[in-house]
Amino acid sequence: MLLAHFTLADRLDVLQDLLLKADCWTTQVVIEELRSGARTRPELVAACEVDWLAATLVILHIDHTRTT
């Protein structure tokens, strides 16, 4: 929700400055939630379009085997 809050405040520039030396990424799920929210809050699209934020698809592998 951090992305949404900075976007709605029109301060993605401040978030970028705060994260200047960090690798910035989010999941595809978050991008999809922002786009979905943009139906009622069009300004949320801006968070999906910044070039300093990479969207990644996170795939979790859960090992269900147990060792005794």
PDB file of N, CA and C in Angstrom:
ATOM      1  N   MET A   1       0.812  -1.201   0.000  1.00  0.00           N
ATOM      2  CA  MET A   1       0.000   0.000   0.000  1.00  0.00           C
ATOM      3  C   MET A   1       0.853   1.262   0.000  1.00  0.00           C
ATOM      4  N   LEU A   2       2.123   1.109   0.284  1.00  0.00           N
ATOM      5  CA  LEU A   2       3.006   2.265   0.273  1.00  0.00           C
ATOM      6  C   LEU A   2       2.999   2.955  -1.083  1.00  0.00           C
ATOM      7  N   LEU A   3       3.040   2.164  -2.134  1.00  0.00           N
ATOM      8  CA  LEU A   3       2.992   2.742  -3.481  1.00  0.00           C
ATOM      9  C   LEU A   3       1.707   3.529  -3.703  1.00  0.00           C
ATOM     10  N   ALA A   4       0.606   2.971  -3.280  1.00  0.00           N
ATOM     11  CA  ALA A   4      -0.682   3.645  -3.464  1.00  0.00           C
ATOM     12  C   ALA A   4      -0.721   4.965  -2.697  1.00  0.00           C
ATOM     13  N   HIS A   5      -0.237   4.965  -1.468  1.00  0.00           N
ATOM     14  CA  HIS A   5      -0.282   6.189  -0.658  1.00  0.00           C
ATOM     15  C   HIS A   5       0.573   7.304  -1.264  1.00  0.00           C
ATOM     16  N   PHE A   6       1.792   6.963  -1.668  1.00  0.00           N
ATOM     17  CA  PHE A   6       2.647   7.976  -2.295  1.00  0.00           C
ATOM     18  C   PHE A   6       2.062   8.445  -3.620  1.00  0.00           C
ATOM     19  N   THR A   7       1.451   7.529  -4.355  1.00  0.00           N
ATOM     20  CA  THR A   7       0.856   7.900  -5.642  1.00  0.00           C
ATOM     21  C   THR A   7      -0.326   8.830  -5.448  1.00  0.00           C
ATOM     22  N   LEU A   8      -1.214   8.497  -4.530  1.00  0.00           N
ATOM     23  CA  LEU A   8      -2.393   9.329  -4.289  1.00  0.00           C
ATOM     24  C   LEU A   8      -2.018  10.704  -3.749  1.00  0.00           C
ATOM     25  N   ALA A   9      -0.888  10.774  -3.058  1.00  0.00           N
ATOM     26  CA  ALA A   9      -0.407  12.071  -2.566  1.00  0.00           C
ATOM     27  C   ALA A   9       0.389  12.815  -3.641  1.00  0.00           C
ATOM     28  N   ASP A  10       0.528  12.206  -4.822  1.00  0.00           N
ATOM     29  CA  ASP A  10       1.303  12.762  -5.926  1.00  0.00           C
ATOM     30  C   ASP A  10       2.747  13.006  -5.506  1.00  0.00           C
ATOM     31  N   ARG A  11       3.326  12.041  -4.769  1.00  0.00           N
ATOM     32  CA  ARG A  11       4.690  12.179  -4.262  1.00  0.00           C
ATOM     33  C   ARG A  11       5.558  10.957  -4.548  1.00  0.00           C
ATOM     34  N   LEU A  12       5.359  10.349  -5.707  1.00  0.00           N
ATOM     35  CA  LEU A  12       6.237   9.245  -6.091  1.00  0.00           C
ATOM     36  C   LEU A  12       7.687   9.714  -6.214  1.00  0.00           C
ATOM     37  N   ASP A  13       7.889  11.004  -6.489  1.00  0.00           N
ATOM     38  CA  ASP A  13       9.238  11.540  -6.556  1.00  0.00           C
ATOM     39  C   ASP A  13       9.940  11.449  -5.208  1.00  0.00           C
ATOM     40  N   VAL A  14       9.217  11.659  -4.136  1.00  0.00           N
ATOM     41  CA  VAL A  14       9.792  11.563  -2.788  1.00  0.00           C
ATOM     42  C   VAL A  14      10.140  10.104  -2.478  1.00  0.00           C
ATOM     43  N   LEU A  15       9.262   9.189  -2.822  1.00  0.00           N
ATOM     44  CA  LEU A  15       9.539   7.772  -2.602  1.00  0.00           C
ATOM     45  C   LEU A  15      10.780   7.355  -3.383  1.00  0.00           C
ATOM     46  N   GLN A  16      10.893   7.817  -4.606  1.00  0.00           N
ATOM     47  CA  GLN A  16      12.076   7.504  -5.408  1.00  0.00           C
ATOM     48  C   GLN A  16      13.341   8.036  -4.737  1.00  0.00           C
ATOM     49  N   ASP A  17      13.300   9.254  -4.220  1.00  0.00           N
ATOM     50  CA  ASP A  17      14.463   9.833  -3.536  1.00  0.00           C
ATOM     51  C   ASP A  17      14.824   9.033  -2.289  1.00  0.00           C
ATOM     52  N   LEU A  18      13.824   8.573  -1.551  1.00  0.00           N
ATOM     53  CA  LEU A  18      14.081   7.790  -0.344  1.00  0.00           C
ATOM     54  C   LEU A  18      14.716   6.440  -0.659  1.00  0.00           C
ATOM     55  N   LEU A  19      14.410   5.916  -1.822  1.00  0.00           N
ATOM     56  CA  LEU A  19      14.888   4.588  -2.207  1.00  0.00           C
ATOM     57  C   LEU A  19      16.001   4.651  -3.253  1.00  0.00           C
ATOM     58  N   LEU A  20      16.641   5.788  -3.360  1.00  0.00           N
ATOM     59  CA  LEU A  20      17.603   6.051  -4.425  1.00  0.00           C
ATOM     60  C   LEU A  20      18.671   4.978  -4.572  1.00  0.00           C
ATOM     61  N   LYS A  21      19.195   4.480  -3.484  1.00  0.00           N
ATOM     62  CA  LYS A  21      20.291   3.514  -3.550  1.00  0.00           C
ATOM     63  C   LYS A  21      19.811   2.073  -3.412  1.00  0.00           C
ATOM     64  N   ALA A  22      18.529   1.857  -3.498  1.00  0.00           N
ATOM     65  CA  ALA A  22      17.971   0.512  -3.327  1.00  0.00           C
ATOM     66  C   ALA A  22      17.458  -0.020  -4.658  1.00  0.00           C
ATOM     67  N   ASP A  23      17.501  -1.329  -4.788  1.00  0.00           N
ATOM     68  CA  ASP A  23      16.828  -1.967  -5.913  1.00  0.00           C
ATOM     69  C   ASP A  23      15.345  -1.945  -5.606  1.00  0.00           C
ATOM     70  N   CYS A  24      14.562  -1.373  -6.473  1.00  0.00           N
ATOM     71  CA  CYS A  24      13.128  -1.219  -6.217  1.00  0.00           C
ATOM     72  C   CYS A  24      12.335  -2.160  -7.111  1.00  0.00           C
ATOM     73  N   TRP A  25      11.516  -2.977  -6.502  1.00  0.00           N
ATOM     74  CA  TRP A  25      10.689  -3.910  -7.252  1.00  0.00           C
ATOM     75  C   TRP A  25       9.406  -4.178  -6.486  1.00  0.00           C
ATOM     76  N   THR A  26       8.465  -4.700  -7.193  1.00  0.00           N
ATOM     77  CA  THR A  26       7.213  -5.134  -6.587  1.00  0.00           C
ATOM     78  C   THR A  26       6.741  -6.360  -7.359  1.00  0.00           C
ATOM     79  N   THR A  27       5.704  -6.956  -6.891  1.00  0.00           N
ATOM     80  CA  THR A  27       5.194  -8.146  -7.567  1.00  0.00           C
ATOM     81  C   THR A  27       4.154  -7.754  -8.617  1.00  0.00           C
ATOM     82  N   GLN A  28       3.932  -8.642  -9.542  1.00  0.00           N
ATOM     83  CA  GLN A  28       2.923  -8.426 -10.567  1.00  0.00           C
ATOM     84  C   GLN A  28       1.536  -8.302  -9.931  1.00  0.00           C
ATOM     85  N   VAL A  29       1.325  -8.999  -8.827  1.00  0.00           N
ATOM     86  CA  VAL A  29       0.040  -8.933  -8.124  1.00  0.00           C
ATOM     87  C   VAL A  29      -0.237  -7.508  -7.646  1.00  0.00           C
ATOM     88  N   VAL A  30       0.782  -6.847  -7.111  1.00  0.00           N
ATOM     89  CA  VAL A  30       0.612  -5.465  -6.642  1.00  0.00           C
ATOM     90  C   VAL A  30       0.305  -4.544  -7.821  1.00  0.00           C
ATOM     91  N   ILE A  31       1.018  -4.732  -8.926  1.00  0.00           N
ATOM     92  CA  ILE A  31       0.752  -3.920 -10.121  1.00  0.00           C
ATOM     93  C   ILE A  31      -0.688  -4.123 -10.582  1.00  0.00           C
ATOM     94  N   GLU A  32      -1.153  -5.353 -10.568  1.00  0.00           N
ATOM     95  CA  GLU A  32      -2.537  -5.639 -10.975  1.00  0.00           C
ATOM     96  C   GLU A  32      -3.535  -5.003 -10.015  1.00  0.00           C
ATOM     97  N   GLU A  33      -3.233  -5.006  -8.715  1.00  0.00           N
ATOM     98  CA  GLU A  33      -4.122  -4.361  -7.745  1.00  0.00           C
ATOM     99  C   GLU A  33      -4.177  -2.854  -7.972  1.00  0.00           C
ATOM    100  N   LEU A  34      -3.037  -2.252  -8.273  1.00  0.00           N
ATOM    101  CA  LEU A  34      -3.023  -0.817  -8.564  1.00  0.00           C
ATOM    102  C   LEU A  34      -3.841  -0.511  -9.812  1.00  0.00           C
ATOM    103  N   ARG A  35      -3.680  -1.311 -10.847  1.00  0.00           N
ATOM    104  CA  ARG A  35      -4.454  -1.096 -12.073  1.00  0.00           C
ATOM    105  C   ARG A  35      -5.945  -1.292 -11.819  1.00  0.00           C
ATOM    106  N   SER A  36      -6.277  -2.260 -10.995  1.00  0.00           N
ATOM    107  CA  SER A  36      -7.684  -2.486 -10.657  1.00  0.00           C
ATOM    108  C   SER A  36      -8.243  -1.280  -9.898  1.00  0.00           C
ATOM    109  N   GLY A  37      -7.468  -0.771  -8.957  1.00  0.00           N
ATOM    110  CA  GLY A  37      -7.891   0.394  -8.191  1.00  0.00           C
ATOM    111  C   GLY A  37      -7.987   1.648  -9.034  1.00  0.00           C
ATOM    112  N   ALA A  38      -7.280   1.646 -10.156  1.00  0.00           N
ATOM    113  CA  ALA A  38      -7.287   2.820 -11.037  1.00  0.00           C
ATOM    114  C   ALA A  38      -8.640   3.034 -11.701  1.00  0.00           C
ATOM    115  N   ARG A  39      -9.508   2.030 -11.641  1.00  0.00           N
ATOM    116  CA  ARG A  39     -10.858   2.228 -12.194  1.00  0.00           C
ATOM    117  C   ARG A  39     -11.610   3.315 -11.423  1.00  0.00           C
ATOM    118  N   THR A  40     -11.368   3.365 -10.124  1.00  0.00           N
ATOM    119  CA  THR A  40     -12.023   4.398  -9.314  1.00  0.00           C
ATOM    120  C   THR A  40     -11.077   5.534  -8.937  1.00  0.00           C
ATOM    121  N   ARG A  41      -9.762   5.265  -8.958  1.00  0.00           N
ATOM    122  CA  ARG A  41      -8.751   6.288  -8.656  1.00  0.00           C
ATOM    123  C   ARG A  41      -7.714   6.285  -9.776  1.00  0.00           C
ATOM    124  N   PRO A  42      -8.000   6.933 -10.917  1.00  0.00           N
ATOM    125  CA  PRO A  42      -7.138   6.879 -12.100  1.00  0.00           C
ATOM    126  C   PRO A  42      -5.677   7.251 -11.847  1.00  0.00           C
ATOM    127  N   GLU A  43      -5.422   8.041 -10.829  1.00  0.00           N
ATOM    128  CA  GLU A  43      -4.053   8.459 -10.551  1.00  0.00           C
ATOM    129  C   GLU A  43      -3.149   7.301 -10.128  1.00  0.00           C
ATOM    130  N   LEU A  44      -3.737   6.168  -9.735  1.00  0.00           N
ATOM    131  CA  LEU A  44      -2.940   5.008  -9.334  1.00  0.00           C
ATOM    132  C   LEU A  44      -2.142   4.413 -10.495  1.00  0.00           C
ATOM    133  N   VAL A  45      -2.535   4.693 -11.709  1.00  0.00           N
ATOM    134  CA  VAL A  45      -1.797   4.201 -12.875  1.00  0.00           C
ATOM    135  C   VAL A  45      -0.354   4.709 -12.856  1.00  0.00           C
ATOM    136  N   ALA A  46      -0.128   5.876 -12.303  1.00  0.00           N
ATOM    137  CA  ALA A  46       1.219   6.461 -12.275  1.00  0.00           C
ATOM    138  C   ALA A  46       2.220   5.539 -11.594  1.00  0.00           C
ATOM    139  N   ALA A  47       1.816   4.816 -10.574  1.00  0.00           N
ATOM    140  CA  ALA A  47       2.727   3.904  -9.880  1.00  0.00           C
ATOM    141  C   ALA A  47       3.136   2.739 -10.770  1.00  0.00           C
ATOM    142  N   CYS A  48       2.318   2.402 -11.728  1.00  0.00           N
ATOM    143  CA  CYS A  48       2.618   1.287 -12.651  1.00  0.00           C
ATOM    144  C   CYS A  48       3.549   1.716 -13.769  1.00  0.00           C
ATOM    145  N   GLU A  49       3.769   3.000 -13.907  1.00  0.00           N
ATOM    146  CA  GLU A  49       4.512   3.518 -15.052  1.00  0.00           C
ATOM    147  C   GLU A  49       5.880   4.096 -14.719  1.00  0.00           C
ATOM    148  N   VAL A  50       6.267   4.092 -13.445  1.00  0.00           N
ATOM    149  CA  VAL A  50       7.579   4.645 -13.099  1.00  0.00           C
ATOM    150  C   VAL A  50       8.678   3.710 -13.587  1.00  0.00           C
ATOM    151  N   ASP A  51       9.750   4.292 -14.104  1.00  0.00           N
ATOM    152  CA  ASP A  51      10.820   3.473 -14.677  1.00  0.00           C
ATOM    153  C   ASP A  51      11.802   2.934 -13.639  1.00  0.00           C
ATOM    154  N   TRP A  52      11.755   3.418 -12.409  1.00  0.00           N
ATOM    155  CA  TRP A  52      12.682   2.957 -11.384  1.00  0.00           C
ATOM    156  C   TRP A  52      12.142   1.786 -10.572  1.00  0.00           C
ATOM    157  N   LEU A  53      10.943   1.354 -10.879  1.00  0.00           N
ATOM    158  CA  LEU A  53      10.329   0.250 -10.153  1.00  0.00           C
ATOM    159  C   LEU A  53      10.153  -0.927 -11.101  1.00  0.00           C
ATOM    160  N   ALA A  54      10.760  -2.024 -10.778  1.00  0.00           N
ATOM    161  CA  ALA A  54      10.657  -3.215 -11.617  1.00  0.00           C
ATOM    162  C   ALA A  54       9.565  -4.128 -11.069  1.00  0.00           C
ATOM    163  N   ALA A  55       8.752  -4.637 -11.953  1.00  0.00           N
ATOM    164  CA  ALA A  55       7.731  -5.605 -11.561  1.00  0.00           C
ATOM    165  C   ALA A  55       8.292  -6.997 -11.806  1.00  0.00           C
ATOM    166  N   THR A  56       8.164  -7.837 -10.824  1.00  0.00           N
ATOM    167  CA  THR A  56       8.654  -9.203 -10.956  1.00  0.00           C
ATOM    168  C   THR A  56       7.537 -10.175 -10.633  1.00  0.00           C
ATOM    169  N   LEU A  57       7.619 -11.306 -11.235  1.00  0.00           N
ATOM    170  CA  LEU A  57       6.689 -12.376 -10.929  1.00  0.00           C
ATOM    171  C   LEU A  57       7.369 -13.237  -9.880  1.00  0.00           C
ATOM    172  N   VAL A  58       6.794 -13.297  -8.712  1.00  0.00           N
ATOM    173  CA  VAL A  58       7.386 -14.076  -7.631  1.00  0.00           C
ATOM    174  C   VAL A  58       6.753 -15.454  -7.615  1.00  0.00           C
ATOM    175  N   ILE A  59       7.588 -16.461  -7.737  1.00  0.00           N
ATOM    176  CA  ILE A  59       7.122 -17.835  -7.688  1.00  0.00           C
ATOM    177  C   ILE A  59       7.727 -18.473  -6.448  1.00  0.00           C
ATOM    178  N   LEU A  60       6.872 -18.927  -5.590  1.00  0.00           N
ATOM    179  CA  LEU A  60       7.330 -19.555  -4.363  1.00  0.00           C
ATOM    180  C   LEU A  60       7.329 -21.058  -4.535  1.00  0.00           C
ATOM    181  N   HIS A  61       8.414 -21.675  -4.139  1.00  0.00           N
ATOM    182  CA  HIS A  61       8.495 -23.127  -4.153  1.00  0.00           C
ATOM    183  C   HIS A  61       8.408 -23.587  -2.710  1.00  0.00           C
ATOM    184  N   ILE A  62       7.413 -24.372  -2.436  1.00  0.00           N
ATOM    185  CA  ILE A  62       7.231 -24.896  -1.079  1.00  0.00           C
ATOM    186  C   ILE A  62       7.552 -26.380  -1.120  1.00  0.00           C
ATOM    187  N   ASP A  63       8.516 -26.770  -0.339  1.00  0.00           N
ATOM    188  CA  ASP A  63       8.918 -28.177  -0.270  1.00  0.00           C
ATOM    189  C   ASP A  63       8.083 -28.851   0.803  1.00  0.00           C
ATOM    190  N   HIS A  64       7.226 -29.744   0.381  1.00  0.00           N
ATOM    191  CA  HIS A  64       6.338 -30.417   1.322  1.00  0.00           C
ATOM    192  C   HIS A  64       6.929 -31.710   1.897  1.00  0.00           C
ATOM    193  N   THR A  65       8.146 -32.032   1.498  1.00  0.00           N
ATOM    194  CA  THR A  65       8.749 -33.238   2.043  1.00  0.00           C
ATOM    195  C   THR A  65       9.308 -32.949   3.420  1.00  0.00           C
ATOM    196  N   ARG A  66       9.220 -33.929   4.245  1.00  0.00           N
ATOM    197  CA  ARG A  66       9.741 -33.756   5.610  1.00  0.00           C
ATOM    198  C   ARG A  66      10.839 -34.780   5.861  1.00  0.00           C
ATOM    199  N   THR A  67      11.820 -34.344   6.581  1.00  0.00           N
ATOM    200  CA  THR A  67      12.879 -35.265   6.966  1.00  0.00           C
ATOM    201  C   THR A  67      12.737 -35.561   8.448  1.00  0.00           C
ATOM    202  N   THR A  68      13.061 -36.765   8.811  1.00  0.00           N
ATOM    203  CA  THR A  68      12.947 -37.131  10.241  1.00  0.00           C
ATOM    204  C   THR A  68      14.292 -37.377  10.826  1.00  0.00           C
TER     205      THR A  68
END
